[in-house]
Amino acid sequence: MHALQTAWWAITHAGGQGSEHLTGALELAVRAGGDTDTTAAIAGALLGARWGASAVPPRWREMLHGWPGHRGDDLVRLAHETVAHTG
């Protein structure tokens, strides 16, 4: 519950729109301390639902990696394929 409350606090106290809001809120979530990985994950999920993947700075997307051998673009492609096969 504390991580959710901290994530919401970070989201509501960050300024800006789109990418600026997303990065600012995530920074606040991490700087708040405590269980920072959980807090940032919750904030990131909520921010992603609000702003979408396009708000994630390209520099951050380039650093993403997933299952061995997959990069950020591969994960986006796999997500689209999953939705296409389940829809």
PDB file of N, CA and C in Angstrom:
ATOM      1  N   MET A   1       0.824  -1.181   0.000  1.00  0.00           N
ATOM      2  CA  MET A   1       0.000   0.000   0.000  1.00  0.00           C
ATOM      3  C   MET A   1       0.876   1.255   0.000  1.00  0.00           C
ATOM      4  N   HIS A   2       1.964   1.200   0.759  1.00  0.00           N
ATOM      5  CA  HIS A   2       2.845   2.361   0.829  1.00  0.00           C
ATOM      6  C   HIS A   2       3.452   2.669  -0.535  1.00  0.00           C
ATOM      7  N   ALA A   3       3.847   1.636  -1.280  1.00  0.00           N
ATOM      8  CA  ALA A   3       4.427   1.854  -2.611  1.00  0.00           C
ATOM      9  C   ALA A   3       3.404   2.483  -3.552  1.00  0.00           C
ATOM     10  N   LEU A   4       2.164   2.033  -3.487  1.00  0.00           N
ATOM     11  CA  LEU A   4       1.108   2.613  -4.315  1.00  0.00           C
ATOM     12  C   LEU A   4       0.871   4.073  -3.948  1.00  0.00           C
ATOM     13  N   GLN A   5       0.823   4.363  -2.661  1.00  0.00           N
ATOM     14  CA  GLN A   5       0.630   5.742  -2.222  1.00  0.00           C
ATOM     15  C   GLN A   5       1.790   6.631  -2.670  1.00  0.00           C
ATOM     16  N   THR A   6       2.999   6.136  -2.567  1.00  0.00           N
ATOM     17  CA  THR A   6       4.164   6.918  -2.977  1.00  0.00           C
ATOM     18  C   THR A   6       4.168   7.131  -4.478  1.00  0.00           C
ATOM     19  N   ALA A   7       3.800   6.099  -5.239  1.00  0.00           N
ATOM     20  CA  ALA A   7       3.724   6.228  -6.698  1.00  0.00           C
ATOM     21  C   ALA A   7       2.704   7.293  -7.081  1.00  0.00           C
ATOM     22  N   TRP A   8       1.537   7.249  -6.445  1.00  0.00           N
ATOM     23  CA  TRP A   8       0.495   8.232  -6.743  1.00  0.00           C
ATOM     24  C   TRP A   8       0.955   9.645  -6.363  1.00  0.00           C
ATOM     25  N   TRP A   9       1.634   9.763  -5.228  1.00  0.00           N
ATOM     26  CA  TRP A   9       2.180  11.058  -4.821  1.00  0.00           C
ATOM     27  C   TRP A   9       3.127  11.584  -5.888  1.00  0.00           C
ATOM     28  N   ALA A  10       4.028  10.737  -6.373  1.00  0.00           N
ATOM     29  CA  ALA A  10       4.999  11.161  -7.386  1.00  0.00           C
ATOM     30  C   ALA A  10       4.301  11.609  -8.665  1.00  0.00           C
ATOM     31  N   ILE A  11       3.286  10.862  -9.076  1.00  0.00           N
ATOM     32  CA  ILE A  11       2.560  11.193 -10.304  1.00  0.00           C
ATOM     33  C   ILE A  11       1.841  12.533 -10.162  1.00  0.00           C
ATOM     34  N   THR A  12       1.236  12.759  -9.020  1.00  0.00           N
ATOM     35  CA  THR A  12       0.452  13.983  -8.847  1.00  0.00           C
ATOM     36  C   THR A  12       1.304  15.200  -8.521  1.00  0.00           C
ATOM     37  N   HIS A  13       2.564  15.006  -8.181  1.00  0.00           N
ATOM     38  CA  HIS A  13       3.431  16.130  -7.867  1.00  0.00           C
ATOM     39  C   HIS A  13       4.449  16.452  -8.966  1.00  0.00           C
ATOM     40  N   ALA A  14       4.500  15.655  -9.997  1.00  0.00           N
ATOM     41  CA  ALA A  14       5.411  15.930 -11.113  1.00  0.00           C
ATOM     42  C   ALA A  14       4.746  16.914 -12.070  1.00  0.00           C
ATOM     43  N   GLY A  15       5.543  17.786 -12.618  1.00  0.00           N
ATOM     44  CA  GLY A  15       5.013  18.749 -13.577  1.00  0.00           C
ATOM     45  C   GLY A  15       5.150  18.250 -15.004  1.00  0.00           C
ATOM     46  N   GLY A  16       4.657  19.054 -15.927  1.00  0.00           N
ATOM     47  CA  GLY A  16       4.832  18.770 -17.339  1.00  0.00           C
ATOM     48  C   GLY A  16       3.756  17.878 -17.921  1.00  0.00           C
ATOM     49  N   GLN A  17       3.944  17.564 -19.186  1.00  0.00           N
ATOM     50  CA  GLN A  17       3.043  16.721 -19.965  1.00  0.00           C
ATOM     51  C   GLN A  17       3.874  15.647 -20.667  1.00  0.00           C
ATOM     52  N   GLY A  18       3.261  14.547 -20.999  1.00  0.00           N
ATOM     53  CA  GLY A  18       3.911  13.508 -21.803  1.00  0.00           C
ATOM     54  C   GLY A  18       5.223  13.038 -21.211  1.00  0.00           C
ATOM     55  N   SER A  19       6.256  13.074 -22.037  1.00  0.00           N
ATOM     56  CA  SER A  19       7.572  12.572 -21.651  1.00  0.00           C
ATOM     57  C   SER A  19       8.135  13.306 -20.431  1.00  0.00           C
ATOM     58  N   GLU A  20       7.928  14.603 -20.387  1.00  0.00           N
ATOM     59  CA  GLU A  20       8.435  15.391 -19.250  1.00  0.00           C
ATOM     60  C   GLU A  20       7.766  14.947 -17.941  1.00  0.00           C
ATOM     61  N   HIS A  21       6.460  14.723 -17.991  1.00  0.00           N
ATOM     62  CA  HIS A  21       5.742  14.270 -16.793  1.00  0.00           C
ATOM     63  C   HIS A  21       6.178  12.867 -16.407  1.00  0.00           C
ATOM     64  N   LEU A  22       6.270  11.969 -17.384  1.00  0.00           N
ATOM     65  CA  LEU A  22       6.654  10.587 -17.112  1.00  0.00           C
ATOM     66  C   LEU A  22       8.025  10.524 -16.435  1.00  0.00           C
ATOM     67  N   THR A  23       9.009  11.189 -17.011  1.00  0.00           N
ATOM     68  CA  THR A  23      10.354  11.116 -16.438  1.00  0.00           C
ATOM     69  C   THR A  23      10.423  11.804 -15.079  1.00  0.00           C
ATOM     70  N   GLY A  24       9.729  12.927 -14.936  1.00  0.00           N
ATOM     71  CA  GLY A  24       9.732  13.629 -13.651  1.00  0.00           C
ATOM     72  C   GLY A  24       9.081  12.819 -12.549  1.00  0.00           C
ATOM     73  N   ALA A  25       7.961  12.188 -12.868  1.00  0.00           N
ATOM     74  CA  ALA A  25       7.254  11.377 -11.871  1.00  0.00           C
ATOM     75  C   ALA A  25       8.080  10.155 -11.473  1.00  0.00           C
ATOM     76  N   LEU A  26       8.720   9.525 -12.437  1.00  0.00           N
ATOM     77  CA  LEU A  26       9.545   8.360 -12.098  1.00  0.00           C
ATOM     78  C   LEU A  26      10.745   8.772 -11.253  1.00  0.00           C
ATOM     79  N   GLU A  27      11.309   9.915 -11.542  1.00  0.00           N
ATOM     80  CA  GLU A  27      12.422  10.395 -10.729  1.00  0.00           C
ATOM     81  C   GLU A  27      11.954  10.662  -9.294  1.00  0.00           C
ATOM     82  N   LEU A  28      10.795  11.305  -9.143  1.00  0.00           N
ATOM     83  CA  LEU A  28      10.261  11.535  -7.798  1.00  0.00           C
ATOM     84  C   LEU A  28       9.994  10.217  -7.081  1.00  0.00           C
ATOM     85  N   ALA A  29       9.456   9.240  -7.800  1.00  0.00           N
ATOM     86  CA  ALA A  29       9.151   7.947  -7.194  1.00  0.00           C
ATOM     87  C   ALA A  29      10.412   7.284  -6.646  1.00  0.00           C
ATOM     88  N   VAL A  30      11.487   7.347  -7.398  1.00  0.00           N
ATOM     89  CA  VAL A  30      12.741   6.720  -6.961  1.00  0.00           C
ATOM     90  C   VAL A  30      13.382   7.524  -5.834  1.00  0.00           C
ATOM     91  N   ARG A  31      13.371   8.836  -5.964  1.00  0.00           N
ATOM     92  CA  ARG A  31      14.003   9.686  -4.941  1.00  0.00           C
ATOM     93  C   ARG A  31      13.247   9.671  -3.618  1.00  0.00           C
ATOM     94  N   ALA A  32      11.986   9.219  -3.626  1.00  0.00           N
ATOM     95  CA  ALA A  32      11.214   9.168  -2.390  1.00  0.00           C
ATOM     96  C   ALA A  32      11.773   8.134  -1.417  1.00  0.00           C
ATOM     97  N   GLY A  33      12.553   7.187  -1.935  1.00  0.00           N
ATOM     98  CA  GLY A  33      13.168   6.183  -1.079  1.00  0.00           C
ATOM     99  C   GLY A  33      12.222   5.039  -0.770  1.00  0.00           C
ATOM    100  N   GLY A  34      12.643   4.202   0.138  1.00  0.00           N
ATOM    101  CA  GLY A  34      11.837   3.029   0.485  1.00  0.00           C
ATOM    102  C   GLY A  34      11.991   1.941  -0.555  1.00  0.00           C
ATOM    103  N   ASP A  35      10.902   1.316  -0.897  1.00  0.00           N
ATOM    104  CA  ASP A  35      10.892   0.218  -1.870  1.00  0.00           C
ATOM    105  C   ASP A  35      10.847   0.808  -3.281  1.00  0.00           C
ATOM    106  N   THR A  36      11.950   1.406  -3.710  1.00  0.00           N
ATOM    107  CA  THR A  36      11.956   2.216  -4.929  1.00  0.00           C
ATOM    108  C   THR A  36      11.645   1.436  -6.197  1.00  0.00           C
ATOM    109  N   ASP A  37      12.076   0.182  -6.285  1.00  0.00           N
ATOM    110  CA  ASP A  37      11.791  -0.565  -7.513  1.00  0.00           C
ATOM    111  C   ASP A  37      10.299  -0.854  -7.656  1.00  0.00           C
ATOM    112  N   THR A  38       9.644  -1.200  -6.554  1.00  0.00           N
ATOM    113  CA  THR A  38       8.204  -1.441  -6.603  1.00  0.00           C
ATOM    114  C   THR A  38       7.447  -0.149  -6.860  1.00  0.00           C
ATOM    115  N   THR A  39       7.842   0.915  -6.179  1.00  0.00           N
ATOM    116  CA  THR A  39       7.185   2.214  -6.361  1.00  0.00           C
ATOM    117  C   THR A  39       7.313   2.686  -7.800  1.00  0.00           C
ATOM    118  N   ALA A  40       8.513   2.584  -8.364  1.00  0.00           N
ATOM    119  CA  ALA A  40       8.729   3.014  -9.752  1.00  0.00           C
ATOM    120  C   ALA A  40       7.977   2.116 -10.730  1.00  0.00           C
ATOM    121  N   ALA A  41       7.875   0.826 -10.436  1.00  0.00           N
ATOM    122  CA  ALA A  41       7.128  -0.079 -11.316  1.00  0.00           C
ATOM    123  C   ALA A  41       5.648   0.287 -11.326  1.00  0.00           C
ATOM    124  N   ILE A  42       5.088   0.578 -10.157  1.00  0.00           N
ATOM    125  CA  ILE A  42       3.682   0.983 -10.085  1.00  0.00           C
ATOM    126  C   ILE A  42       3.478   2.304 -10.810  1.00  0.00           C
ATOM    127  N   ALA A  43       4.336   3.273 -10.529  1.00  0.00           N
ATOM    128  CA  ALA A  43       4.226   4.577 -11.195  1.00  0.00           C
ATOM    129  C   ALA A  43       4.378   4.411 -12.702  1.00  0.00           C
ATOM    130  N   GLY A  44       5.333   3.599 -13.127  1.00  0.00           N
ATOM    131  CA  GLY A  44       5.554   3.382 -14.555  1.00  0.00           C
ATOM    132  C   GLY A  44       4.353   2.761 -15.241  1.00  0.00           C
ATOM    133  N   ALA A  45       3.697   1.825 -14.573  1.00  0.00           N
ATOM    134  CA  ALA A  45       2.503   1.202 -15.150  1.00  0.00           C
ATOM    135  C   ALA A  45       1.380   2.224 -15.308  1.00  0.00           C
ATOM    136  N   LEU A  46       1.169   3.035 -14.279  1.00  0.00           N
ATOM    137  CA  LEU A  46       0.121   4.062 -14.345  1.00  0.00           C
ATOM    138  C   LEU A  46       0.456   5.135 -15.376  1.00  0.00           C
ATOM    139  N   LEU A  47       1.708   5.547 -15.405  1.00  0.00           N
ATOM    140  CA  LEU A  47       2.133   6.566 -16.373  1.00  0.00           C
ATOM    141  C   LEU A  47       2.065   6.031 -17.797  1.00  0.00           C
ATOM    142  N   GLY A  48       2.421   4.771 -17.976  1.00  0.00           N
ATOM    143  CA  GLY A  48       2.320   4.164 -19.300  1.00  0.00           C
ATOM    144  C   GLY A  48       0.884   4.094 -19.779  1.00  0.00           C
ATOM    145  N   ALA A  49      -0.022   3.794 -18.856  1.00  0.00           N
ATOM    146  CA  ALA A  49      -1.438   3.769 -19.220  1.00  0.00           C
ATOM    147  C   ALA A  49      -1.916   5.159 -19.619  1.00  0.00           C
ATOM    148  N   ARG A  50      -1.386   6.184 -18.980  1.00  0.00           N
ATOM    149  CA  ARG A  50      -1.797   7.560 -19.276  1.00  0.00           C
ATOM    150  C   ARG A  50      -1.149   8.104 -20.541  1.00  0.00           C
ATOM    151  N   TRP A  51       0.174   7.970 -20.669  1.00  0.00           N
ATOM    152  CA  TRP A  51       0.913   8.630 -21.745  1.00  0.00           C
ATOM    153  C   TRP A  51       1.299   7.701 -22.893  1.00  0.00           C
ATOM    154  N   GLY A  52       1.325   6.398 -22.677  1.00  0.00           N
ATOM    155  CA  GLY A  52       1.715   5.459 -23.723  1.00  0.00           C
ATOM    156  C   GLY A  52       3.223   5.343 -23.862  1.00  0.00           C
ATOM    157  N   ALA A  53       3.627   4.369 -24.649  1.00  0.00           N
ATOM    158  CA  ALA A  53       5.059   4.079 -24.826  1.00  0.00           C
ATOM    159  C   ALA A  53       5.810   5.223 -25.491  1.00  0.00           C
ATOM    160  N   SER A  54       5.112   6.031 -26.276  1.00  0.00           N
ATOM    161  CA  SER A  54       5.796   7.125 -26.977  1.00  0.00           C
ATOM    162  C   SER A  54       6.329   8.178 -26.011  1.00  0.00           C
ATOM    163  N   ALA A  55       5.842   8.209 -24.769  1.00  0.00           N
ATOM    164  CA  ALA A  55       6.333   9.172 -23.788  1.00  0.00           C
ATOM    165  C   ALA A  55       7.640   8.727 -23.149  1.00  0.00           C
ATOM    166  N   VAL A  56       7.997   7.465 -23.321  1.00  0.00           N
ATOM    167  CA  VAL A  56       9.273   6.987 -22.790  1.00  0.00           C
ATOM    168  C   VAL A  56      10.375   7.535 -23.683  1.00  0.00           C
ATOM    169  N   PRO A  57      11.335   8.250 -23.095  1.00  0.00           N
ATOM    170  CA  PRO A  57      12.400   8.834 -23.917  1.00  0.00           C
ATOM    171  C   PRO A  57      13.112   7.772 -24.754  1.00  0.00           C
ATOM    172  N   PRO A  58      13.422   8.102 -26.017  1.00  0.00           N
ATOM    173  CA  PRO A  58      14.100   7.130 -26.885  1.00  0.00           C
ATOM    174  C   PRO A  58      15.359   6.545 -26.246  1.00  0.00           C
ATOM    175  N   ARG A  59      16.093   7.352 -25.536  1.00  0.00           N
ATOM    176  CA  ARG A  59      17.332   6.895 -24.884  1.00  0.00           C
ATOM    177  C   ARG A  59      17.019   5.789 -23.882  1.00  0.00           C
ATOM    178  N   TRP A  60      15.899   5.882 -23.186  1.00  0.00           N
ATOM    179  CA  TRP A  60      15.500   4.845 -22.238  1.00  0.00           C
ATOM    180  C   TRP A  60      15.068   3.584 -22.973  1.00  0.00           C
ATOM    181  N   ARG A  61      14.309   3.760 -24.069  1.00  0.00           N
ATOM    182  CA  ARG A  61      13.848   2.592 -24.832  1.00  0.00           C
ATOM    183  C   ARG A  61      15.021   1.816 -25.417  1.00  0.00           C
ATOM    184  N   GLU A  62      16.062   2.524 -25.809  1.00  0.00           N
ATOM    185  CA  GLU A  62      17.240   1.852 -26.373  1.00  0.00           C
ATOM    186  C   GLU A  62      17.927   0.978 -25.334  1.00  0.00           C
ATOM    187  N   MET A  63      17.811   1.314 -24.061  1.00  0.00           N
ATOM    188  CA  MET A  63      18.463   0.546 -22.996  1.00  0.00           C
ATOM    189  C   MET A  63      17.637  -0.657 -22.563  1.00  0.00           C
ATOM    190  N   LEU A  64      16.353  -0.703 -22.969  1.00  0.00           N
ATOM    191  CA  LEU A  64      15.491  -1.809 -22.556  1.00  0.00           C
ATOM    192  C   LEU A  64      15.991  -3.137 -23.092  1.00  0.00           C
ATOM    193  N   HIS A  65      15.878  -4.115 -22.293  1.00  0.00           N
ATOM    194  CA  HIS A  65      16.163  -5.469 -22.747  1.00  0.00           C
ATOM    195  C   HIS A  65      15.229  -6.403 -22.016  1.00  0.00           C
ATOM    196  N   GLY A  66      14.989  -7.514 -22.601  1.00  0.00           N
ATOM    197  CA  GLY A  66      14.081  -8.472 -21.994  1.00  0.00           C
ATOM    198  C   GLY A  66      14.721  -9.835 -21.958  1.00  0.00           C
ATOM    199  N   TRP A  67      13.948 -10.763 -22.349  1.00  0.00           N
ATOM    200  CA  TRP A  67      14.432 -12.119 -22.427  1.00  0.00           C
ATOM    201  C   TRP A  67      15.719 -12.120 -23.232  1.00  0.00           C
ATOM    202  N   PRO A  68      16.708 -12.920 -22.894  1.00  0.00           N
ATOM    203  CA  PRO A  68      18.003 -12.865 -23.592  1.00  0.00           C
ATOM    204  C   PRO A  68      17.861 -12.799 -25.116  1.00  0.00           C
ATOM    205  N   GLY A  69      18.537 -11.840 -25.691  1.00  0.00           N
ATOM    206  CA  GLY A  69      18.518 -11.671 -27.135  1.00  0.00           C
ATOM    207  C   GLY A  69      17.456 -10.704 -27.626  1.00  0.00           C
ATOM    208  N   HIS A  70      16.598 -10.206 -26.753  1.00  0.00           N
ATOM    209  CA  HIS A  70      15.543  -9.279 -27.158  1.00  0.00           C
ATOM    210  C   HIS A  70      15.847  -7.874 -26.649  1.00  0.00           C
ATOM    211  N   ARG A  71      15.569  -6.893 -27.500  1.00  0.00           N
ATOM    212  CA  ARG A  71      15.729  -5.491 -27.134  1.00  0.00           C
ATOM    213  C   ARG A  71      14.334  -4.861 -27.061  1.00  0.00           C
ATOM    214  N   GLY A  72      14.287  -3.565 -26.792  1.00  0.00           N
ATOM    215  CA  GLY A  72      13.017  -2.870 -26.657  1.00  0.00           C
ATOM    216  C   GLY A  72      12.102  -3.043 -27.852  1.00  0.00           C
ATOM    217  N   ASP A  73      12.649  -2.881 -29.070  1.00  0.00           N
ATOM    218  CA  ASP A  73      11.834  -3.027 -30.278  1.00  0.00           C
ATOM    219  C   ASP A  73      11.267  -4.440 -30.409  1.00  0.00           C
ATOM    220  N   ASP A  74      12.054  -5.434 -30.006  1.00  0.00           N
ATOM    221  CA  ASP A  74      11.574  -6.825 -30.058  1.00  0.00           C
ATOM    222  C   ASP A  74      10.395  -7.025 -29.102  1.00  0.00           C
ATOM    223  N   LEU A  75      10.472  -6.402 -27.927  1.00  0.00           N
ATOM    224  CA  LEU A  75       9.389  -6.547 -26.955  1.00  0.00           C
ATOM    225  C   LEU A  75       8.108  -5.889 -27.457  1.00  0.00           C
ATOM    226  N   VAL A  76       8.235  -4.749 -28.125  1.00  0.00           N
ATOM    227  CA  VAL A  76       7.056  -4.092 -28.709  1.00  0.00           C
ATOM    228  C   VAL A  76       6.455  -4.983 -29.790  1.00  0.00           C
ATOM    229  N   ARG A  77       7.295  -5.544 -30.662  1.00  0.00           N
ATOM    230  CA  ARG A  77       6.820  -6.431 -31.726  1.00  0.00           C
ATOM    231  C   ARG A  77       6.111  -7.648 -31.141  1.00  0.00           C
ATOM    232  N   LEU A  78       6.701  -8.253 -30.121  1.00  0.00           N
ATOM    233  CA  LEU A  78       6.088  -9.421 -29.487  1.00  0.00           C
ATOM    234  C   LEU A  78       4.746  -9.068 -28.842  1.00  0.00           C
ATOM    235  N   ALA A  79       4.643  -7.901 -28.250  1.00  0.00           N
ATOM    236  CA  ALA A  79       3.380  -7.470 -27.645  1.00  0.00           C
ATOM    237  C   ALA A  79       2.305  -7.329 -28.722  1.00  0.00           C
ATOM    238  N   HIS A  80       2.660  -6.723 -29.869  1.00  0.00           N
ATOM    239  CA  HIS A  80       1.701  -6.581 -30.959  1.00  0.00           C
ATOM    240  C   HIS A  80       1.279  -7.949 -31.507  1.00  0.00           C
ATOM    241  N   GLU A  81       2.220  -8.851 -31.639  1.00  0.00           N
ATOM    242  CA  GLU A  81       1.888 -10.188 -32.132  1.00  0.00           C
ATOM    243  C   GLU A  81       0.973 -10.931 -31.150  1.00  0.00           C
ATOM    244  N   THR A  82       1.233 -10.758 -29.866  1.00  0.00           N
ATOM    245  CA  THR A  82       0.400 -11.400 -28.850  1.00  0.00           C
ATOM    246  C   THR A  82      -1.035 -10.896 -28.921  1.00  0.00           C
ATOM    247  N   VAL A  83      -1.186  -9.591 -29.022  1.00  0.00           N
ATOM    248  CA  VAL A  83      -2.535  -8.998 -29.120  1.00  0.00           C
ATOM    249  C   VAL A  83      -3.231  -9.470 -30.381  1.00  0.00           C
ATOM    250  N   ALA A  84      -2.521  -9.533 -31.505  1.00  0.00           N
ATOM    251  CA  ALA A  84      -3.112  -9.959 -32.777  1.00  0.00           C
ATOM    252  C   ALA A  84      -3.599 -11.412 -32.704  1.00  0.00           C
ATOM    253  N   HIS A  85      -2.899 -12.249 -31.960  1.00  0.00           N
ATOM    254  CA  HIS A  85      -3.266 -13.665 -31.876  1.00  0.00           C
ATOM    255  C   HIS A  85      -4.343 -13.943 -30.851  1.00  0.00           C
ATOM    256  N   THR A  86      -4.581 -13.008 -29.935  1.00  0.00           N
ATOM    257  CA  THR A  86      -5.577 -13.239 -28.891  1.00  0.00           C
ATOM    258  C   THR A  86      -6.863 -12.464 -29.155  1.00  0.00           C
ATOM    259  N   GLY A  87      -6.842 -11.577 -30.153  1.00  0.00           N
ATOM    260  CA  GLY A  87      -7.995 -10.703 -30.385  1.00  0.00           C
ATOM    261  C   GLY A  87      -9.051 -11.288 -31.188  1.00  0.00           C
TER     262      GLY A  87
END
